[in-house]
Amino acid sequence: MERVWIGLGAMAGLLAVAASAVVAHALTDEAARAVAASATQMLGWHALALFGIGLWAPRGGLFAHLAGAAFGLGLLGFCGAVFTLAFTGLHAGPLAPIGGSTLMLGWLLLGVSAIRPRR
């Protein structure tokens, strides 16, 4: 499973770099560019987090794996909704705040994996 988290982190990192270039060159509307920059930043930071979970999971156990899943799902929800808004103007309803909350849950789970003794 550790390879899955590292692989997802690598894909998120790739997408963050690609999104950064697209946002800088394809979006002419400043408001849309600012919105997309937020999603790009979240993608980049959580790419690193997923990579770290891949390294930490053998010691962090179940909660580390749950954190990785929360990060993956949260990125899909948050970044997907924000990029959709920036590029199309379409609102994805509550998907962005649900995705953002899922990202926060991932950080909580990662913290729990560090302080909870493994059985």
N, C-alpha and C. Protein backbone atom coordinates (compact mmCIF):
# COMPACT_ATOMS: atom_id res chain seq x y z
N MET A 1 0.82 -1.20 0.00
CA MET A 1 0.00 0.00 0.00
C MET A 1 0.87 1.26 0.00
N GLU A 2 2.07 1.14 0.56
CA GLU A 2 2.96 2.30 0.61
C GLU A 2 3.27 2.80 -0.80
N ARG A 3 3.42 1.87 -1.75
CA ARG A 3 3.70 2.26 -3.12
C ARG A 3 2.52 3.04 -3.72
N VAL A 4 1.32 2.72 -3.29
CA VAL A 4 0.14 3.45 -3.78
C VAL A 4 0.23 4.90 -3.35
N TRP A 5 0.56 5.15 -2.09
CA TRP A 5 0.63 6.53 -1.60
C TRP A 5 1.75 7.29 -2.29
N ILE A 6 2.90 6.65 -2.48
CA ILE A 6 3.99 7.33 -3.18
C ILE A 6 3.61 7.59 -4.64
N GLY A 7 2.96 6.63 -5.28
CA GLY A 7 2.50 6.81 -6.65
C GLY A 7 1.48 7.93 -6.78
N LEU A 8 0.52 7.97 -5.84
CA LEU A 8 -0.47 9.06 -5.86
C LEU A 8 0.19 10.40 -5.61
N GLY A 9 1.17 10.41 -4.71
CA GLY A 9 1.91 11.65 -4.45
C GLY A 9 2.64 12.12 -5.69
N ALA A 10 3.24 11.18 -6.41
CA ALA A 10 3.95 11.53 -7.65
C ALA A 10 2.98 12.08 -8.69
N MET A 11 1.82 11.45 -8.82
CA MET A 11 0.83 11.94 -9.78
C MET A 11 0.31 13.32 -9.38
N ALA A 12 0.06 13.51 -8.08
CA ALA A 12 -0.40 14.82 -7.62
C ALA A 12 0.67 15.88 -7.87
N GLY A 13 1.94 15.52 -7.66
CA GLY A 13 3.02 16.46 -7.94
C GLY A 13 3.10 16.82 -9.41
N LEU A 14 2.97 15.82 -10.26
CA LEU A 14 2.95 16.05 -11.71
C LEU A 14 1.80 16.98 -12.09
N LEU A 15 0.62 16.69 -11.55
CA LEU A 15 -0.54 17.53 -11.85
C LEU A 15 -0.38 18.95 -11.31
N ALA A 16 0.28 19.09 -10.16
CA ALA A 16 0.49 20.43 -9.60
C ALA A 16 1.38 21.27 -10.51
N VAL A 17 2.43 20.66 -11.04
CA VAL A 17 3.32 21.39 -11.94
C VAL A 17 2.59 21.73 -13.24
N ALA A 18 1.87 20.75 -13.78
CA ALA A 18 1.12 20.99 -15.02
C ALA A 18 0.05 22.06 -14.80
N ALA A 19 -0.67 21.97 -13.70
CA ALA A 19 -1.72 22.95 -13.41
C ALA A 19 -1.13 24.34 -13.25
N SER A 20 0.03 24.42 -12.63
CA SER A 20 0.68 25.72 -12.46
C SER A 20 0.96 26.37 -13.81
N ALA A 21 1.44 25.58 -14.75
CA ALA A 21 1.72 26.11 -16.08
C ALA A 21 0.44 26.51 -16.80
N VAL A 22 -0.57 25.67 -16.72
CA VAL A 22 -1.84 25.98 -17.39
C VAL A 22 -2.48 27.23 -16.79
N VAL A 23 -2.47 27.31 -15.46
CA VAL A 23 -3.06 28.47 -14.80
C VAL A 23 -2.33 29.74 -15.21
N ALA A 24 -1.01 29.67 -15.27
CA ALA A 24 -0.22 30.86 -15.61
C ALA A 24 -0.41 31.30 -17.06
N HIS A 25 -0.64 30.36 -17.94
CA HIS A 25 -0.66 30.71 -19.37
C HIS A 25 -2.04 30.68 -20.02
N ALA A 26 -2.97 29.93 -19.45
CA ALA A 26 -4.27 29.77 -20.12
C ALA A 26 -5.38 30.60 -19.51
N LEU A 27 -5.26 30.90 -18.23
CA LEU A 27 -6.33 31.68 -17.58
C LEU A 27 -6.01 33.16 -17.67
N THR A 28 -6.86 33.90 -18.31
CA THR A 28 -6.64 35.33 -18.44
C THR A 28 -7.40 36.12 -17.39
N ASP A 29 -8.46 35.56 -16.86
CA ASP A 29 -9.25 36.22 -15.82
C ASP A 29 -8.51 36.12 -14.49
N GLU A 30 -8.24 37.27 -13.87
CA GLU A 30 -7.47 37.29 -12.63
C GLU A 30 -8.16 36.55 -11.48
N ALA A 31 -9.48 36.69 -11.39
CA ALA A 31 -10.22 36.00 -10.32
C ALA A 31 -10.12 34.49 -10.51
N ALA A 32 -10.28 34.02 -11.73
CA ALA A 32 -10.17 32.58 -12.00
C ALA A 32 -8.75 32.09 -11.73
N ARG A 33 -7.77 32.91 -12.08
CA ARG A 33 -6.38 32.54 -11.84
C ARG A 33 -6.11 32.41 -10.34
N ALA A 34 -6.65 33.31 -9.53
CA ALA A 34 -6.45 33.24 -8.09
C ALA A 34 -7.12 31.99 -7.50
N VAL A 35 -8.31 31.69 -7.97
CA VAL A 35 -9.02 30.50 -7.50
C VAL A 35 -8.23 29.24 -7.85
N ALA A 36 -7.77 29.15 -9.10
CA ALA A 36 -7.03 27.99 -9.54
C ALA A 36 -5.68 27.87 -8.84
N ALA A 37 -5.08 29.00 -8.49
CA ALA A 37 -3.81 28.97 -7.78
C ALA A 37 -3.97 28.31 -6.41
N SER A 38 -5.12 28.50 -5.78
CA SER A 38 -5.39 27.86 -4.50
C SER A 38 -5.42 26.35 -4.64
N ALA A 39 -6.09 25.86 -5.66
CA ALA A 39 -6.16 24.41 -5.89
C ALA A 39 -4.78 23.86 -6.25
N THR A 40 -4.02 24.61 -7.04
CA THR A 40 -2.68 24.17 -7.42
C THR A 40 -1.79 24.04 -6.19
N GLN A 41 -1.89 25.00 -5.29
CA GLN A 41 -1.09 24.97 -4.07
C GLN A 41 -1.48 23.77 -3.20
N MET A 42 -2.77 23.52 -3.04
CA MET A 42 -3.22 22.36 -2.26
C MET A 42 -2.72 21.06 -2.88
N LEU A 43 -2.75 20.99 -4.19
CA LEU A 43 -2.29 19.81 -4.90
C LEU A 43 -0.80 19.57 -4.62
N GLY A 44 -0.01 20.61 -4.68
CA GLY A 44 1.42 20.49 -4.44
C GLY A 44 1.76 20.08 -3.02
N TRP A 45 1.14 20.72 -2.05
CA TRP A 45 1.41 20.38 -0.65
C TRP A 45 0.99 18.96 -0.33
N HIS A 46 -0.14 18.55 -0.85
CA HIS A 46 -0.63 17.21 -0.53
C HIS A 46 0.08 16.13 -1.34
N ALA A 47 0.72 16.51 -2.44
CA ALA A 47 1.60 15.57 -3.14
C ALA A 47 2.74 15.17 -2.21
N LEU A 48 3.31 16.16 -1.54
CA LEU A 48 4.39 15.88 -0.58
C LEU A 48 3.88 15.07 0.61
N ALA A 49 2.67 15.39 1.06
CA ALA A 49 2.09 14.66 2.19
C ALA A 49 1.87 13.19 1.82
N LEU A 50 1.37 12.93 0.63
CA LEU A 50 1.16 11.54 0.20
C LEU A 50 2.49 10.79 0.10
N PHE A 51 3.51 11.44 -0.41
CA PHE A 51 4.83 10.83 -0.46
C PHE A 51 5.30 10.48 0.95
N GLY A 52 5.13 11.42 1.87
CA GLY A 52 5.51 11.18 3.26
C GLY A 52 4.73 10.04 3.89
N ILE A 53 3.47 9.94 3.58
CA ILE A 53 2.66 8.84 4.11
C ILE A 53 3.18 7.51 3.58
N GLY A 54 3.59 7.49 2.32
CA GLY A 54 4.18 6.27 1.78
C GLY A 54 5.39 5.80 2.57
N LEU A 55 6.16 6.76 3.05
CA LEU A 55 7.33 6.42 3.87
C LEU A 55 6.96 6.11 5.32
N TRP A 56 5.96 6.77 5.84
CA TRP A 56 5.57 6.66 7.24
C TRP A 56 4.65 5.47 7.51
N ALA A 57 3.86 5.05 6.54
CA ALA A 57 2.80 4.06 6.76
C ALA A 57 3.26 2.76 7.43
N PRO A 58 4.45 2.23 7.13
CA PRO A 58 4.83 1.00 7.83
C PRO A 58 4.92 1.18 9.35
N ARG A 59 5.21 2.38 9.80
CA ARG A 59 5.27 2.65 11.24
C ARG A 59 3.97 3.23 11.76
N GLY A 60 3.25 3.97 10.91
CA GLY A 60 2.03 4.65 11.35
C GLY A 60 0.79 3.78 11.33
N GLY A 61 0.84 2.67 10.61
CA GLY A 61 -0.26 1.72 10.62
C GLY A 61 -1.54 2.21 9.95
N LEU A 62 -2.65 1.70 10.47
CA LEU A 62 -3.95 1.94 9.87
C LEU A 62 -4.28 3.42 9.73
N PHE A 63 -3.99 4.21 10.76
CA PHE A 63 -4.34 5.63 10.70
C PHE A 63 -3.55 6.37 9.62
N ALA A 64 -2.31 5.93 9.37
CA ALA A 64 -1.54 6.54 8.28
C ALA A 64 -2.19 6.20 6.94
N HIS A 65 -2.63 4.98 6.78
CA HIS A 65 -3.29 4.59 5.53
C HIS A 65 -4.62 5.33 5.37
N LEU A 66 -5.35 5.50 6.45
CA LEU A 66 -6.60 6.27 6.38
C LEU A 66 -6.32 7.73 6.01
N ALA A 67 -5.22 8.27 6.52
CA ALA A 67 -4.83 9.64 6.18
C ALA A 67 -4.55 9.74 4.68
N GLY A 68 -3.84 8.75 4.13
CA GLY A 68 -3.56 8.75 2.69
C GLY A 68 -4.84 8.71 1.87
N ALA A 69 -5.78 7.89 2.30
CA ALA A 69 -7.07 7.80 1.60
C ALA A 69 -7.81 9.14 1.69
N ALA A 70 -7.79 9.76 2.85
CA ALA A 70 -8.46 11.06 3.02
C ALA A 70 -7.81 12.12 2.14
N PHE A 71 -6.48 12.11 2.06
CA PHE A 71 -5.81 13.07 1.20
C PHE A 71 -6.19 12.85 -0.27
N GLY A 72 -6.19 11.60 -0.70
CA GLY A 72 -6.54 11.32 -2.09
C GLY A 72 -7.96 11.76 -2.42
N LEU A 73 -8.90 11.39 -1.56
CA LEU A 73 -10.30 11.78 -1.80
C LEU A 73 -10.50 13.28 -1.66
N GLY A 74 -9.84 13.87 -0.69
CA GLY A 74 -9.95 15.31 -0.48
C GLY A 74 -9.42 16.10 -1.67
N LEU A 75 -8.31 15.64 -2.23
CA LEU A 75 -7.77 16.32 -3.42
C LEU A 75 -8.72 16.24 -4.59
N LEU A 76 -9.32 15.07 -4.79
CA LEU A 76 -10.29 14.94 -5.87
C LEU A 76 -11.45 15.92 -5.69
N GLY A 77 -11.99 15.95 -4.48
CA GLY A 77 -13.14 16.81 -4.23
C GLY A 77 -12.79 18.29 -4.28
N PHE A 78 -11.80 18.69 -3.50
CA PHE A 78 -11.46 20.10 -3.41
C PHE A 78 -10.90 20.63 -4.73
N CYS A 79 -9.82 20.01 -5.20
CA CYS A 79 -9.17 20.51 -6.41
C CYS A 79 -10.07 20.36 -7.63
N GLY A 80 -10.78 19.25 -7.69
CA GLY A 80 -11.70 19.06 -8.82
C GLY A 80 -12.74 20.15 -8.89
N ALA A 81 -13.35 20.46 -7.74
CA ALA A 81 -14.39 21.49 -7.71
C ALA A 81 -13.82 22.88 -8.00
N VAL A 82 -12.65 23.17 -7.44
CA VAL A 82 -12.06 24.50 -7.63
C VAL A 82 -11.57 24.69 -9.08
N PHE A 83 -10.94 23.67 -9.64
CA PHE A 83 -10.52 23.78 -11.04
C PHE A 83 -11.72 23.88 -11.97
N THR A 84 -12.78 23.14 -11.67
CA THR A 84 -14.00 23.23 -12.48
C THR A 84 -14.55 24.66 -12.46
N LEU A 85 -14.59 25.26 -11.28
CA LEU A 85 -15.07 26.64 -11.16
C LEU A 85 -14.16 27.60 -11.95
N ALA A 86 -12.85 27.44 -11.78
CA ALA A 86 -11.91 28.37 -12.43
C ALA A 86 -11.95 28.28 -13.95
N PHE A 87 -12.07 27.07 -14.47
CA PHE A 87 -11.97 26.89 -15.93
C PHE A 87 -13.31 26.95 -16.65
N THR A 88 -14.41 26.64 -15.94
CA THR A 88 -15.71 26.61 -16.62
C THR A 88 -16.73 27.57 -16.03
N GLY A 89 -16.48 28.03 -14.81
CA GLY A 89 -17.45 28.88 -14.14
C GLY A 89 -18.58 28.09 -13.48
N LEU A 90 -18.54 26.77 -13.60
CA LEU A 90 -19.59 25.93 -13.00
C LEU A 90 -19.27 25.63 -11.54
N HIS A 91 -20.27 25.79 -10.69
CA HIS A 91 -20.13 25.47 -9.27
C HIS A 91 -20.44 24.00 -9.06
N ALA A 92 -19.63 23.33 -8.25
CA ALA A 92 -19.82 21.91 -7.98
C ALA A 92 -20.52 21.70 -6.64
N GLY A 93 -21.35 22.64 -6.26
CA GLY A 93 -22.09 22.50 -5.01
C GLY A 93 -21.15 22.45 -3.82
N PRO A 94 -21.42 21.56 -2.89
CA PRO A 94 -20.61 21.49 -1.67
C PRO A 94 -19.34 20.65 -1.82
N LEU A 95 -18.96 20.30 -3.03
CA LEU A 95 -17.82 19.41 -3.22
C LEU A 95 -16.51 20.02 -2.71
N ALA A 96 -16.29 21.30 -2.95
CA ALA A 96 -15.04 21.92 -2.48
C ALA A 96 -14.94 21.93 -0.96
N PRO A 97 -15.97 22.38 -0.22
CA PRO A 97 -15.83 22.35 1.23
C PRO A 97 -15.77 20.92 1.80
N ILE A 98 -16.46 19.99 1.17
CA ILE A 98 -16.36 18.60 1.62
C ILE A 98 -14.95 18.08 1.38
N GLY A 99 -14.40 18.38 0.20
CA GLY A 99 -13.03 17.97 -0.10
C GLY A 99 -12.03 18.62 0.85
N GLY A 100 -12.21 19.90 1.13
CA GLY A 100 -11.32 20.59 2.08
C GLY A 100 -11.42 20.00 3.47
N SER A 101 -12.61 19.67 3.89
CA SER A 101 -12.79 19.04 5.21
C SER A 101 -12.14 17.67 5.24
N THR A 102 -12.21 16.95 4.13
CA THR A 102 -11.58 15.64 4.05
C THR A 102 -10.06 15.77 4.11
N LEU A 103 -9.51 16.81 3.50
CA LEU A 103 -8.07 17.06 3.63
C LEU A 103 -7.69 17.34 5.08
N MET A 104 -8.51 18.12 5.77
CA MET A 104 -8.23 18.39 7.19
C MET A 104 -8.32 17.11 8.01
N LEU A 105 -9.30 16.27 7.69
CA LEU A 105 -9.42 14.98 8.38
C LEU A 105 -8.15 14.15 8.15
N GLY A 106 -7.61 14.20 6.94
CA GLY A 106 -6.38 13.48 6.65
C GLY A 106 -5.24 13.92 7.55
N TRP A 107 -5.11 15.22 7.77
CA TRP A 107 -4.06 15.71 8.67
C TRP A 107 -4.29 15.25 10.11
N LEU A 108 -5.55 15.25 10.52
CA LEU A 108 -5.87 14.76 11.86
C LEU A 108 -5.48 13.28 11.99
N LEU A 109 -5.86 12.48 11.00
CA LEU A 109 -5.54 11.06 11.03
C LEU A 109 -4.03 10.82 11.00
N LEU A 110 -3.31 11.64 10.25
CA LEU A 110 -1.86 11.51 10.22
C LEU A 110 -1.26 11.82 11.59
N GLY A 111 -1.80 12.85 12.25
CA GLY A 111 -1.34 13.15 13.61
C GLY A 111 -1.64 12.02 14.58
N VAL A 112 -2.82 11.43 14.47
CA VAL A 112 -3.18 10.30 15.33
C VAL A 112 -2.23 9.14 15.08
N SER A 113 -1.85 8.92 13.82
CA SER A 113 -0.95 7.81 13.52
C SER A 113 0.42 7.99 14.18
N ALA A 114 0.78 9.24 14.45
CA ALA A 114 2.08 9.52 15.07
C ALA A 114 2.05 9.36 16.58
N ILE A 115 0.90 9.61 17.22
CA ILE A 115 0.88 9.56 18.68
C ILE A 115 0.25 8.29 19.22
N ARG A 116 -0.46 7.56 18.40
CA ARG A 116 -1.11 6.33 18.86
C ARG A 116 -0.12 5.18 18.77
N PRO A 117 0.05 4.46 19.86
CA PRO A 117 0.97 3.31 19.79
C PRO A 117 0.41 2.22 18.88
N ARG A 118 1.29 1.60 18.13
CA ARG A 118 0.88 0.48 17.26
C ARG A 118 0.68 -0.76 18.07
N ARG A 119 -0.28 -1.56 17.67
CA ARG A 119 -0.54 -2.82 18.36
C ARG A 119 0.12 -3.97 17.64
